[in-house]
Protein backbone atom coordinates (compact mmCIF):
# COMPACT_ATOMS: atom_id res chain seq x y z
CA MET A 1 2.25 21.32 -39.83
CA LYS A 2 0.75 22.51 -36.57
CA GLU A 3 1.11 20.10 -33.68
CA GLU A 4 -2.11 18.81 -32.12
CA ILE A 5 -2.82 20.27 -28.67
CA TRP A 6 -3.18 17.64 -25.96
CA LYS A 7 -4.95 18.05 -22.64
CA THR A 8 -4.10 17.61 -18.94
CA ALA A 9 -6.45 18.21 -16.03
CA ILE A 10 -3.93 17.96 -13.19
CA THR A 11 -1.84 21.11 -12.82
CA LYS A 12 -2.04 24.50 -14.51
CA VAL A 13 1.16 26.54 -14.52
CA GLU A 14 1.09 30.31 -15.17
CA PRO A 15 3.51 33.08 -14.22
CA ASN A 16 3.39 33.41 -10.42
CA LYS A 17 0.48 30.95 -10.10
CA LEU A 18 0.16 27.18 -9.81
CA LEU A 19 -3.18 25.38 -9.72
CA LEU A 20 -3.41 21.74 -8.55
CA ARG A 21 -6.82 20.37 -9.54
CA GLY A 22 -8.03 23.97 -9.52
CA TYR A 23 -6.61 24.91 -6.09
CA ARG A 24 -3.78 27.42 -5.77
CA ILE A 25 -0.79 25.54 -4.39
CA ASP A 26 0.34 28.56 -2.37
CA GLU A 27 -3.06 28.48 -0.63
CA LEU A 28 -2.80 24.74 -0.01
CA ILE A 29 0.62 25.18 1.62
CA GLY A 30 0.16 25.23 5.39
CA ASN A 31 -3.54 24.43 5.13
CA ILE A 32 -3.52 20.79 4.05
CA SER A 33 -1.27 17.85 4.92
CA PHE A 34 0.90 15.95 2.47
CA SER A 35 -1.52 13.01 2.53
CA GLN A 36 -4.37 15.38 1.63
CA ALA A 37 -2.29 16.72 -1.26
CA VAL A 38 -1.63 13.14 -2.38
CA PHE A 39 -5.36 12.40 -2.33
CA LEU A 40 -6.10 15.61 -4.24
CA ALA A 41 -3.47 15.00 -6.92
CA ILE A 42 -4.53 11.38 -7.50
CA ASN A 43 -8.28 11.60 -6.95
CA GLY A 44 -8.97 15.12 -8.19
CA GLU A 45 -10.82 16.23 -5.04
CA LEU A 46 -9.81 17.07 -1.50
CA PRO A 47 -10.53 14.22 0.93
CA SER A 48 -12.94 14.47 3.81
CA GLU A 49 -11.35 14.77 7.24
CA LYS A 50 -11.98 11.06 7.86
CA GLN A 51 -10.53 10.03 4.51
CA ALA A 52 -7.43 12.14 5.15
CA LYS A 53 -6.87 10.42 8.51
CA MET A 54 -7.29 7.03 6.87
CA ILE A 55 -4.80 7.82 4.10
CA ASP A 56 -2.34 9.08 6.73
CA ALA A 57 -2.67 5.83 8.66
CA MET A 58 -2.23 3.72 5.53
CA LEU A 59 0.94 5.54 4.49
CA VAL A 60 2.45 5.17 7.97
CA SER A 61 1.57 1.46 8.07
CA SER A 62 3.87 0.58 5.15
CA VAL A 63 6.67 3.09 5.63
CA ASP A 64 9.23 0.29 6.13
CA HIS A 65 9.54 -3.43 6.88
CA GLY A 66 13.23 -3.90 7.54
CA VAL A 67 16.05 -5.01 5.25
CA THR A 68 14.58 -8.27 3.92
CA PRO A 69 11.92 -7.08 1.38
CA PRO A 70 13.05 -7.16 -2.27
CA SER A 71 12.64 -3.40 -2.65
CA CYS A 72 15.05 -2.71 0.21
CA LEU A 73 17.59 -5.32 -0.90
CA SER A 74 17.50 -3.95 -4.44
CA ALA A 75 17.94 -0.36 -3.30
CA ARG A 76 20.78 -1.18 -0.90
CA THR A 77 22.58 -3.36 -3.47
CA ILE A 78 22.44 -0.61 -6.08
CA ALA A 79 23.63 1.94 -3.51
CA SER A 80 26.46 -0.39 -2.49
CA ALA A 81 27.69 -0.36 -6.09
CA GLY A 82 28.14 3.41 -5.90
CA ALA A 83 24.97 4.53 -7.66
CA PRO A 84 23.38 7.85 -6.61
CA LEU A 85 20.26 8.15 -4.47
CA ASN A 86 17.83 8.44 -7.38
CA ALA A 87 19.14 5.30 -9.09
CA ALA A 88 19.00 3.25 -5.89
CA LEU A 89 15.47 4.44 -5.15
CA ALA A 90 14.37 3.67 -8.69
CA GLY A 91 15.70 0.13 -8.33
CA GLY A 92 13.84 -0.29 -5.07
CA ILE A 93 10.58 0.95 -6.55
CA LEU A 94 11.01 -1.32 -9.60
CA ALA A 95 11.20 -4.31 -7.24
CA ILE A 96 7.64 -3.60 -6.08
CA SER A 97 5.55 -5.88 -8.23
CA LYS A 98 3.20 -8.87 -8.17
CA HIS A 99 4.51 -10.56 -5.03
CA HIS A 100 5.81 -7.53 -3.12
CA GLY A 101 3.36 -4.68 -2.62
CA GLY A 102 1.64 -5.50 -5.89
CA ALA A 103 -0.77 -7.80 -4.07
CA ILE A 104 -2.91 -4.76 -3.23
CA GLU A 105 -4.28 -4.44 -6.77
CA ASP A 106 -5.16 -8.13 -7.09
CA CYS A 107 -6.73 -8.14 -3.64
CA MET A 108 -8.84 -5.09 -4.48
CA LYS A 109 -10.19 -6.78 -7.60
CA MET A 110 -11.00 -9.93 -5.65
CA ILE A 111 -12.78 -8.09 -2.84
CA GLN A 112 -14.70 -5.85 -5.24
CA GLY A 113 -15.83 -8.87 -7.22
CA ALA A 114 -16.96 -10.66 -4.06
CA VAL A 115 -18.90 -7.61 -2.86
CA ARG A 116 -20.59 -7.23 -6.26
CA ARG A 117 -21.64 -10.87 -6.07
CA LYS A 118 -23.07 -10.34 -2.61
CA ARG A 119 -25.10 -7.38 -3.85
CA ASP A 120 -26.40 -9.34 -6.84
CA THR A 121 -27.33 -12.53 -4.99
CA ASN A 122 -28.82 -13.70 -1.72
CA GLU A 123 -25.53 -15.30 -0.67
CA THR A 124 -23.90 -14.27 2.59
CA GLU A 125 -20.34 -12.99 3.01
CA GLY A 126 -19.37 -16.34 4.48
CA GLU A 127 -20.85 -18.31 1.57
CA ILE A 128 -19.15 -16.15 -1.04
CA ALA A 129 -15.84 -16.32 0.84
CA ALA A 130 -16.02 -20.11 0.98
CA ILE A 131 -16.65 -20.27 -2.78
CA LEU A 132 -13.66 -17.97 -3.40
CA ILE A 133 -11.40 -20.23 -1.35
CA LYS A 134 -12.47 -23.31 -3.29
CA GLU A 135 -12.06 -21.54 -6.64
CA HIS A 136 -8.54 -20.39 -5.82
CA LYS A 137 -7.62 -23.78 -4.39
CA GLY A 138 -8.91 -25.49 -7.55
CA ARG A 139 -6.67 -23.28 -9.67
CA ASN A 140 -3.79 -23.67 -7.21
CA LYS A 141 -3.76 -19.89 -6.90
CA ARG A 142 -2.75 -17.96 -3.81
CA LEU A 143 -5.14 -15.34 -2.44
CA SER A 144 -3.42 -11.95 -2.61
CA GLY A 145 -3.44 -9.95 0.62
CA PHE A 146 -3.57 -12.90 3.01
CA GLY A 147 -0.81 -14.61 4.97
CA HIS A 148 2.62 -13.30 5.96
CA ARG A 149 6.05 -14.89 6.16
CA ILE A 150 6.71 -13.31 9.58
CA HIS A 151 3.46 -12.17 11.18
CA THR A 152 0.78 -14.62 12.30
CA ARG A 153 -1.36 -11.63 13.28
CA ASP A 154 -0.32 -8.53 11.36
CA PRO A 155 -0.36 -5.66 13.88
CA ARG A 156 -0.68 -3.11 11.08
CA THR A 157 -3.91 -4.65 9.83
CA ILE A 158 -5.43 -4.67 13.30
CA LYS A 159 -4.66 -0.98 13.80
CA LEU A 160 -5.84 0.07 10.32
CA PHE A 161 -9.16 -1.72 10.73
CA GLN A 162 -9.60 -0.23 14.19
CA ILE A 163 -9.05 3.29 12.82
CA ALA A 164 -11.36 2.58 9.87
CA SER A 165 -14.06 1.42 12.28
CA ASP A 166 -13.63 4.48 14.51
CA LEU A 167 -13.86 6.78 11.46
CA GLY A 168 -16.90 5.00 10.05
CA ILE A 169 -14.99 4.02 6.90
CA ALA A 170 -15.04 0.24 7.41
CA GLY A 171 -17.94 -1.23 5.46
CA GLU A 172 -18.80 -4.22 3.31
CA HIS A 173 -15.35 -4.46 1.71
CA VAL A 174 -13.63 -4.75 5.10
CA GLY A 175 -16.36 -7.18 6.11
CA MET A 176 -15.69 -9.31 3.04
CA ALA A 177 -11.94 -9.35 3.71
CA LYS A 178 -12.59 -10.61 7.23
CA ALA A 179 -15.02 -13.22 5.91
CA ILE A 180 -12.34 -14.51 3.51
CA GLU A 181 -9.85 -14.72 6.38
CA ASN A 182 -12.34 -16.76 8.44
CA ALA A 183 -13.22 -19.02 5.50
CA MET A 184 -9.54 -19.80 4.90
CA GLU A 185 -9.11 -20.81 8.53
CA GLN A 186 -12.13 -23.10 8.33
CA GLU A 187 -10.88 -24.62 5.06
CA SER A 188 -7.24 -25.15 6.03
CA GLY A 189 -7.41 -25.37 9.81
CA LYS A 190 -4.83 -22.63 10.19
CA LYS A 191 -5.19 -18.87 10.31
CA LEU A 192 -3.80 -16.87 7.40
CA PRO A 193 -4.08 -13.26 8.55
CA ILE A 194 -5.14 -10.35 6.41
CA ASN A 195 -1.77 -8.73 5.86
CA VAL A 196 -1.16 -5.00 5.43
CA ASP A 197 -1.59 -5.28 1.65
CA GLY A 198 -5.01 -6.86 2.13
CA ALA A 199 -6.00 -4.24 4.68
CA ILE A 200 -4.99 -1.38 2.39
CA ALA A 201 -6.82 -3.07 -0.47
CA ALA A 202 -10.08 -3.28 1.50
CA LEU A 203 -9.78 0.34 2.66
CA LEU A 204 -9.03 1.67 -0.83
CA CYS A 205 -12.17 -0.16 -1.97
CA GLU A 206 -14.13 1.58 0.77
CA MET A 207 -12.86 4.94 -0.50
CA ASN A 208 -13.73 4.11 -4.13
CA PHE A 209 -10.21 4.13 -5.56
CA PRO A 210 -9.73 2.12 -8.78
CA PRO A 211 -7.53 -0.99 -8.44
CA GLU A 212 -5.16 0.40 -11.09
CA LEU A 213 -3.98 2.98 -8.53
CA ALA A 214 -3.60 0.50 -5.67
CA ASN A 215 0.15 -0.08 -5.82
CA ALA A 216 0.83 3.65 -5.96
CA PHE A 217 -0.08 3.89 -2.28
CA PHE A 218 2.41 1.17 -1.35
CA MET A 219 5.13 2.93 -3.33
CA LEU A 220 4.32 6.27 -1.70
CA ALA A 221 4.41 4.69 1.73
CA ARG A 222 7.63 2.75 1.23
CA LEU A 223 9.67 5.58 -0.34
CA PRO A 224 10.81 7.23 2.96
CA GLY A 225 11.99 3.86 4.28
CA LEU A 226 13.93 3.22 1.10
CA ILE A 227 15.57 6.65 1.37
CA ALA A 228 16.69 5.81 4.91
CA HIS A 229 18.12 2.44 3.83
CA VAL A 230 19.97 3.89 0.84
CA TYR A 231 21.49 6.67 2.93
CA GLU A 232 22.53 4.19 5.63
CA GLU A 233 24.12 1.97 2.98
CA GLN A 234 26.01 4.92 1.50
CA THR A 235 27.24 6.32 4.82
CA ARG A 236 27.69 3.30 7.05
CA MET A 237 28.64 0.31 4.89
CA LYS A 238 31.63 -0.59 2.75
CA PRO A 239 30.98 -0.38 -1.00
CA MET A 240 30.45 -3.42 -3.21
CA ARG A 241 29.59 -5.72 -0.31
CA TYR A 242 27.67 -9.01 -0.49
CA ILE A 243 24.33 -8.31 1.17
CA ASN A 244 22.82 -11.35 2.87
CA PRO A 245 19.60 -10.33 4.66
CA LYS A 246 19.92 -13.26 7.07
CA ASP A 247 23.20 -11.88 8.42
CA HIS A 248 21.88 -8.50 9.57
CA GLU A 249 21.50 -7.41 13.18
CA TYR A 250 19.46 -4.46 14.45
CA ASP A 251 21.39 -1.97 16.61
CA GLY A 252 19.04 1.02 16.62
CA PHE A 253 16.92 2.42 19.42
CA SER A 254 15.24 -0.02 21.76
CA GLU A 255 11.44 0.21 21.86
CA ARG A 256 10.24 3.74 22.61
CA LYS A 257 6.81 5.01 23.63
CA LEU A 258 5.06 8.02 22.13
């Protein structure tokens, strides 16, 4: 019985020729950046110059956040047990989920829903944001993408929104995220900042990415940091150690200027 032929629209492989979304990879080499190739592979089209700069900035913003996140602790623990690089990285990536990195998808859905409501009604951003806060509070549900255990003013968010504004990418989704941040401060009396997950969520909305792809960008961004941590664990630490994140001390470069 003849097997049914299935289809893929991503990469075509022929002798001496590779096409990624219709573009020859050997022609893309040296002419586009890695972030542009990421956009092309995922989205199917090359990004505009402004979109490429925004994706670059987003990937840099989440490249690492020290030894305390679950993804890093998982990766280092697996490496400490003697596992190879790929196994340790896989463990780190698997730790990215609902409460670590995974907030981007939920935040995108929330912001998109709020923006749709604004378009369909005469309500202002502030009014819709206030309703969202009350709805989440009534369900005792935390708003994804807001608040941070360390940062009271996430420097990554500030920079991403500044770049988005300069590039003309920031629009009603960024505006809605800021309105939600303000509404939470008015409701609770304390400021819960838009964290980097929330910023990335708003910017992915502005660039029309589906929420189902949201967490992929966090994984892409965090992978180089995880590689660095795994390699450090393998080459600097004793195997099979108890890893307590509270016991660590930074001994790298002091602050450097570009």
